[in-house]
Amino acid sequence: VQLQASGGGLVQAGGSLRLSCVASGRTFSNYVMGWFRQAPGKEREFVASISKSGGSTTYADSLKGRFTISRDNAKNTVYLQMNRLKPEDTAVYYCAATAPWSTAYDYWGQGTLVTVSS
């Protein structure tokens, strides 16, 4: 499956952004989807994941209440709504997919840069 993330940009602290990730090549609804991020000089970290149907979501503890992951299987798209953004949310955000036969994230998008100014 190929993943294409978009929606990043420059936003002031307190603002919102919605990231999108469009999948192609396979049956999207067969894949658990996730978002990760990597800040400058830091390791990549988990942000959120969503089950195949969208009925179950998981978040990094530090982001609960501000970020929301969702998906539209008819559009082969997973979203990440980010609210009340902080400068420390500045990072490259990646979407990823877990193949049906796997427990790891096997496919990765190219990343989209989010910059939050103070």
N, C-alpha and C. Protein backbone atom coordinates (compact mmCIF):
# COMPACT_ATOMS: atom_id res chain seq x y z
N VAL A 1 0.85 -1.18 0.00
CA VAL A 1 0.00 0.00 0.00
C VAL A 1 0.89 1.24 0.00
N GLN A 2 0.48 2.26 -0.76
CA GLN A 2 1.21 3.52 -0.80
C GLN A 2 0.45 4.57 0.00
N LEU A 3 1.19 5.36 0.75
CA LEU A 3 0.58 6.35 1.62
C LEU A 3 1.09 7.74 1.27
N GLN A 4 0.18 8.68 1.19
CA GLN A 4 0.53 10.06 0.86
C GLN A 4 -0.08 10.98 1.90
N ALA A 5 0.78 11.57 2.72
CA ALA A 5 0.31 12.47 3.77
C ALA A 5 0.34 13.91 3.28
N SER A 6 -0.57 14.69 3.81
CA SER A 6 -0.64 16.11 3.47
C SER A 6 -1.33 16.87 4.60
N GLY A 7 -1.29 18.19 4.48
CA GLY A 7 -1.99 19.03 5.45
C GLY A 7 -1.12 19.76 6.43
N GLY A 8 0.18 19.48 6.41
CA GLY A 8 1.07 20.18 7.30
C GLY A 8 1.24 21.63 6.90
N GLY A 9 1.87 22.39 7.78
CA GLY A 9 2.10 23.79 7.50
C GLY A 9 2.51 24.53 8.74
N LEU A 10 2.49 25.85 8.63
CA LEU A 10 2.86 26.72 9.74
C LEU A 10 1.59 27.24 10.42
N VAL A 11 1.55 27.10 11.72
CA VAL A 11 0.39 27.54 12.48
C VAL A 11 0.85 28.16 13.79
N GLN A 12 0.11 29.11 14.28
CA GLN A 12 0.45 29.72 15.56
C GLN A 12 0.01 28.82 16.71
N ALA A 13 0.69 28.96 17.80
CA ALA A 13 0.32 28.20 19.00
C ALA A 13 -1.15 28.48 19.34
N GLY A 14 -1.85 27.41 19.69
CA GLY A 14 -3.28 27.50 19.97
C GLY A 14 -4.16 27.20 18.78
N GLY A 15 -3.56 27.16 17.60
CA GLY A 15 -4.31 26.90 16.39
C GLY A 15 -4.55 25.42 16.15
N SER A 16 -5.14 25.14 15.00
CA SER A 16 -5.50 23.77 14.64
C SER A 16 -5.03 23.45 13.23
N LEU A 17 -4.80 22.18 13.00
CA LEU A 17 -4.51 21.65 11.66
C LEU A 17 -5.15 20.28 11.55
N ARG A 18 -5.49 19.92 10.33
CA ARG A 18 -5.94 18.56 10.08
C ARG A 18 -5.05 17.94 9.02
N LEU A 19 -4.42 16.86 9.39
CA LEU A 19 -3.60 16.11 8.46
C LEU A 19 -4.44 15.02 7.79
N SER A 20 -4.10 14.74 6.56
CA SER A 20 -4.75 13.66 5.82
C SER A 20 -3.70 12.71 5.28
N CYS A 21 -4.09 11.48 5.14
CA CYS A 21 -3.21 10.47 4.55
C CYS A 21 -4.07 9.58 3.66
N VAL A 22 -3.78 9.63 2.38
CA VAL A 22 -4.53 8.84 1.41
C VAL A 22 -3.75 7.59 1.07
N ALA A 23 -4.43 6.46 1.10
CA ALA A 23 -3.80 5.18 0.79
C ALA A 23 -4.24 4.70 -0.58
N SER A 24 -3.35 4.01 -1.24
CA SER A 24 -3.68 3.44 -2.54
C SER A 24 -2.97 2.10 -2.70
N GLY A 25 -3.52 1.28 -3.55
CA GLY A 25 -2.85 0.05 -3.89
C GLY A 25 -3.42 -1.20 -3.27
N ARG A 26 -4.06 -1.08 -2.13
CA ARG A 26 -4.62 -2.25 -1.46
C ARG A 26 -5.96 -1.87 -0.85
N THR A 27 -6.63 -2.84 -0.26
CA THR A 27 -7.90 -2.58 0.39
C THR A 27 -7.65 -1.87 1.71
N PHE A 28 -7.95 -0.59 1.72
CA PHE A 28 -7.62 0.26 2.86
C PHE A 28 -8.22 -0.25 4.16
N SER A 29 -9.43 -0.76 4.11
CA SER A 29 -10.13 -1.16 5.32
C SER A 29 -9.52 -2.41 5.97
N ASN A 30 -8.55 -3.01 5.34
CA ASN A 30 -7.85 -4.15 5.92
C ASN A 30 -6.68 -3.75 6.81
N TYR A 31 -6.39 -2.44 6.85
CA TYR A 31 -5.19 -1.98 7.52
C TYR A 31 -5.50 -1.14 8.76
N VAL A 32 -4.85 -1.50 9.85
CA VAL A 32 -4.79 -0.60 10.99
C VAL A 32 -3.89 0.56 10.59
N MET A 33 -4.31 1.77 10.94
CA MET A 33 -3.56 2.95 10.55
C MET A 33 -3.05 3.70 11.77
N GLY A 34 -1.92 4.35 11.59
CA GLY A 34 -1.36 5.11 12.70
C GLY A 34 -0.71 6.39 12.22
N TRP A 35 -0.52 7.28 13.18
CA TRP A 35 0.26 8.50 12.96
C TRP A 35 1.43 8.51 13.94
N PHE A 36 2.55 8.93 13.43
CA PHE A 36 3.76 9.09 14.23
C PHE A 36 4.32 10.48 13.94
N ARG A 37 5.26 10.90 14.77
CA ARG A 37 5.91 12.17 14.49
C ARG A 37 7.37 12.12 14.95
N GLN A 38 8.15 12.95 14.30
CA GLN A 38 9.57 13.05 14.66
C GLN A 38 9.96 14.51 14.70
N ALA A 39 10.30 14.96 15.88
CA ALA A 39 10.74 16.34 16.06
C ALA A 39 12.23 16.44 15.77
N PRO A 40 12.72 17.62 15.45
CA PRO A 40 14.15 17.78 15.16
C PRO A 40 15.02 17.30 16.33
N GLY A 41 15.95 16.43 16.01
CA GLY A 41 16.87 15.92 17.01
C GLY A 41 16.31 14.88 17.95
N LYS A 42 15.08 14.44 17.67
CA LYS A 42 14.45 13.45 18.54
C LYS A 42 14.07 12.20 17.77
N GLU A 43 13.79 11.15 18.52
CA GLU A 43 13.36 9.91 17.89
C GLU A 43 11.89 10.01 17.49
N ARG A 44 11.53 9.19 16.53
CA ARG A 44 10.14 9.13 16.12
C ARG A 44 9.29 8.59 17.26
N GLU A 45 8.11 9.16 17.43
CA GLU A 45 7.23 8.73 18.51
C GLU A 45 5.81 8.48 18.00
N PHE A 46 5.14 7.61 18.68
CA PHE A 46 3.76 7.27 18.36
C PHE A 46 2.84 8.42 18.73
N VAL A 47 1.87 8.67 17.85
CA VAL A 47 0.88 9.71 18.11
C VAL A 47 -0.49 9.08 18.36
N ALA A 48 -0.96 8.29 17.40
CA ALA A 48 -2.30 7.72 17.52
C ALA A 48 -2.44 6.58 16.53
N SER A 49 -3.41 5.70 16.80
CA SER A 49 -3.74 4.63 15.86
C SER A 49 -5.25 4.43 15.85
N ILE A 50 -5.70 3.77 14.79
CA ILE A 50 -7.13 3.53 14.63
C ILE A 50 -7.32 2.17 14.01
N SER A 51 -8.34 1.47 14.49
CA SER A 51 -8.61 0.12 14.02
C SER A 51 -9.14 0.14 12.59
N LYS A 52 -9.28 -1.03 12.02
CA LYS A 52 -9.68 -1.14 10.62
C LYS A 52 -11.04 -0.51 10.37
N SER A 53 -11.95 -0.69 11.29
CA SER A 53 -13.30 -0.14 11.12
C SER A 53 -13.42 1.29 11.60
N GLY A 54 -12.43 1.73 12.37
CA GLY A 54 -12.49 3.06 12.97
C GLY A 54 -13.15 3.07 14.33
N GLY A 55 -13.56 1.92 14.80
CA GLY A 55 -14.29 1.86 16.06
C GLY A 55 -13.42 1.94 17.30
N SER A 56 -12.13 1.77 17.13
CA SER A 56 -11.22 1.80 18.27
C SER A 56 -10.03 2.68 17.96
N THR A 57 -9.68 3.54 18.89
CA THR A 57 -8.55 4.44 18.72
C THR A 57 -7.65 4.38 19.95
N THR A 58 -6.39 4.68 19.71
CA THR A 58 -5.40 4.74 20.78
C THR A 58 -4.56 5.99 20.59
N TYR A 59 -4.20 6.63 21.71
CA TYR A 59 -3.43 7.86 21.65
C TYR A 59 -2.24 7.82 22.60
N ALA A 60 -1.22 8.55 22.24
CA ALA A 60 -0.16 8.82 23.19
C ALA A 60 -0.78 9.60 24.35
N ASP A 61 -0.40 9.23 25.55
CA ASP A 61 -1.02 9.84 26.73
C ASP A 61 -0.93 11.36 26.71
N SER A 62 0.20 11.87 26.26
CA SER A 62 0.43 13.31 26.31
C SER A 62 -0.43 14.09 25.32
N LEU A 63 -1.06 13.36 24.37
CA LEU A 63 -1.81 14.04 23.32
C LEU A 63 -3.32 13.86 23.45
N LYS A 64 -3.73 13.03 24.37
CA LYS A 64 -5.17 12.80 24.55
C LYS A 64 -5.89 14.11 24.84
N GLY A 65 -7.01 14.27 24.17
CA GLY A 65 -7.81 15.48 24.38
C GLY A 65 -7.51 16.59 23.41
N ARG A 66 -6.34 16.55 22.76
CA ARG A 66 -6.02 17.58 21.78
C ARG A 66 -6.01 17.03 20.35
N PHE A 67 -5.62 15.78 20.18
CA PHE A 67 -5.53 15.17 18.86
C PHE A 67 -6.64 14.13 18.70
N THR A 68 -7.17 14.03 17.50
CA THR A 68 -8.19 13.04 17.19
C THR A 68 -7.87 12.37 15.87
N ILE A 69 -7.81 11.05 15.90
CA ILE A 69 -7.59 10.27 14.68
C ILE A 69 -8.94 9.74 14.20
N SER A 70 -9.11 9.73 12.90
CA SER A 70 -10.34 9.20 12.31
C SER A 70 -10.01 8.66 10.93
N ARG A 71 -10.94 7.95 10.35
CA ARG A 71 -10.72 7.41 9.02
C ARG A 71 -12.03 7.36 8.25
N ASP A 72 -11.89 7.43 6.95
CA ASP A 72 -13.01 7.27 6.04
C ASP A 72 -12.62 6.18 5.05
N ASN A 73 -13.11 4.99 5.28
CA ASN A 73 -12.70 3.86 4.44
C ASN A 73 -13.21 4.01 3.00
N ALA A 74 -14.28 4.73 2.81
CA ALA A 74 -14.78 4.96 1.46
C ALA A 74 -13.85 5.86 0.66
N LYS A 75 -13.08 6.69 1.37
CA LYS A 75 -12.15 7.60 0.71
C LYS A 75 -10.70 7.16 0.87
N ASN A 76 -10.49 5.99 1.47
CA ASN A 76 -9.13 5.48 1.67
C ASN A 76 -8.24 6.49 2.40
N THR A 77 -8.81 7.15 3.37
CA THR A 77 -8.11 8.26 4.02
C THR A 77 -8.20 8.15 5.54
N VAL A 78 -7.07 8.45 6.17
CA VAL A 78 -7.02 8.59 7.62
C VAL A 78 -6.66 10.04 7.93
N TYR A 79 -7.23 10.55 9.00
CA TYR A 79 -7.05 11.95 9.36
C TYR A 79 -6.45 12.07 10.76
N LEU A 80 -5.81 13.19 10.98
CA LEU A 80 -5.38 13.54 12.33
C LEU A 80 -5.75 15.00 12.56
N GLN A 81 -6.76 15.20 13.39
CA GLN A 81 -7.17 16.55 13.76
C GLN A 81 -6.35 16.97 14.98
N MET A 82 -5.65 18.08 14.85
CA MET A 82 -4.78 18.55 15.92
C MET A 82 -5.27 19.92 16.38
N ASN A 83 -5.64 20.01 17.63
CA ASN A 83 -6.16 21.26 18.20
C ASN A 83 -5.26 21.76 19.31
N ARG A 84 -5.40 23.04 19.61
CA ARG A 84 -4.61 23.69 20.68
C ARG A 84 -3.13 23.34 20.52
N LEU A 85 -2.64 23.55 19.35
CA LEU A 85 -1.27 23.18 19.05
C LEU A 85 -0.27 23.98 19.87
N LYS A 86 0.84 23.33 20.17
CA LYS A 86 1.91 23.92 20.98
C LYS A 86 3.20 23.88 20.17
N PRO A 87 4.13 24.76 20.49
CA PRO A 87 5.42 24.72 19.77
C PRO A 87 6.08 23.35 19.83
N GLU A 88 5.90 22.63 20.91
CA GLU A 88 6.51 21.30 21.03
C GLU A 88 5.85 20.26 20.15
N ASP A 89 4.76 20.61 19.49
CA ASP A 89 4.15 19.71 18.51
C ASP A 89 4.84 19.81 17.14
N THR A 90 5.76 20.74 17.02
CA THR A 90 6.50 20.88 15.77
C THR A 90 7.25 19.60 15.45
N ALA A 91 6.99 19.05 14.27
CA ALA A 91 7.60 17.77 13.89
C ALA A 91 7.18 17.43 12.47
N VAL A 92 7.84 16.44 11.93
CA VAL A 92 7.35 15.81 10.70
C VAL A 92 6.40 14.69 11.13
N TYR A 93 5.22 14.72 10.57
CA TYR A 93 4.19 13.74 10.92
C TYR A 93 4.09 12.70 9.81
N TYR A 94 4.09 11.45 10.21
CA TYR A 94 4.05 10.33 9.27
C TYR A 94 2.80 9.49 9.52
N CYS A 95 2.17 9.07 8.45
CA CYS A 95 1.13 8.06 8.59
C CYS A 95 1.75 6.70 8.27
N ALA A 96 1.16 5.67 8.84
CA ALA A 96 1.69 4.32 8.67
C ALA A 96 0.55 3.32 8.68
N ALA A 97 0.81 2.18 8.09
CA ALA A 97 -0.21 1.15 7.98
C ALA A 97 0.35 -0.20 8.43
N THR A 98 -0.50 -0.95 9.10
CA THR A 98 -0.14 -2.30 9.52
C THR A 98 -0.84 -3.30 8.61
N ALA A 99 -0.08 -4.14 7.97
CA ALA A 99 -0.65 -5.15 7.08
C ALA A 99 -1.47 -6.15 7.89
N PRO A 100 -2.46 -6.76 7.24
CA PRO A 100 -3.34 -7.70 7.96
C PRO A 100 -2.59 -8.85 8.61
N TRP A 101 -1.44 -9.24 8.04
CA TRP A 101 -0.70 -10.39 8.55
C TRP A 101 0.39 -9.98 9.53
N SER A 102 0.42 -8.71 9.90
CA SER A 102 1.55 -8.19 10.67
C SER A 102 1.08 -7.55 11.97
N THR A 103 2.03 -7.38 12.89
CA THR A 103 1.77 -6.62 14.11
C THR A 103 2.58 -5.34 14.14
N ALA A 104 3.33 -5.09 13.10
CA ALA A 104 4.16 -3.89 13.03
C ALA A 104 3.62 -2.96 11.94
N TYR A 105 4.15 -1.75 11.93
CA TYR A 105 3.79 -0.82 10.87
C TYR A 105 4.71 -1.08 9.68
N ASP A 106 4.12 -1.59 8.62
CA ASP A 106 4.91 -2.06 7.49
C ASP A 106 5.06 -1.03 6.39
N TYR A 107 4.16 -0.09 6.34
CA TYR A 107 4.15 0.89 5.26
C TYR A 107 4.11 2.29 5.86
N TRP A 108 4.88 3.18 5.23
CA TRP A 108 5.02 4.53 5.75
C TRP A 108 4.83 5.55 4.64
N GLY A 109 4.18 6.64 4.99
CA GLY A 109 4.11 7.77 4.07
C GLY A 109 5.36 8.61 4.15
N GLN A 110 5.41 9.65 3.34
CA GLN A 110 6.62 10.45 3.21
C GLN A 110 6.75 11.51 4.29
N GLY A 111 5.71 11.76 5.04
CA GLY A 111 5.77 12.75 6.10
C GLY A 111 5.31 14.12 5.64
N THR A 112 4.73 14.84 6.57
CA THR A 112 4.32 16.21 6.31
C THR A 112 4.74 17.06 7.52
N LEU A 113 5.33 18.21 7.24
CA LEU A 113 5.92 19.02 8.29
C LEU A 113 4.88 19.94 8.92
N VAL A 114 4.83 19.89 10.24
CA VAL A 114 3.99 20.79 11.02
C VAL A 114 4.90 21.68 11.85
N THR A 115 4.75 22.98 11.70
CA THR A 115 5.54 23.93 12.47
C THR A 115 4.59 24.82 13.26
N VAL A 116 4.78 24.83 14.57
CA VAL A 116 3.93 25.63 15.44
C VAL A 116 4.77 26.76 16.02
N SER A 117 4.40 27.96 15.72
CA SER A 117 5.15 29.13 16.19
C SER A 117 4.55 29.64 17.50
N SER A 118 5.43 30.18 18.32
CA SER A 118 4.98 30.68 19.64
C SER A 118 4.57 32.13 19.56
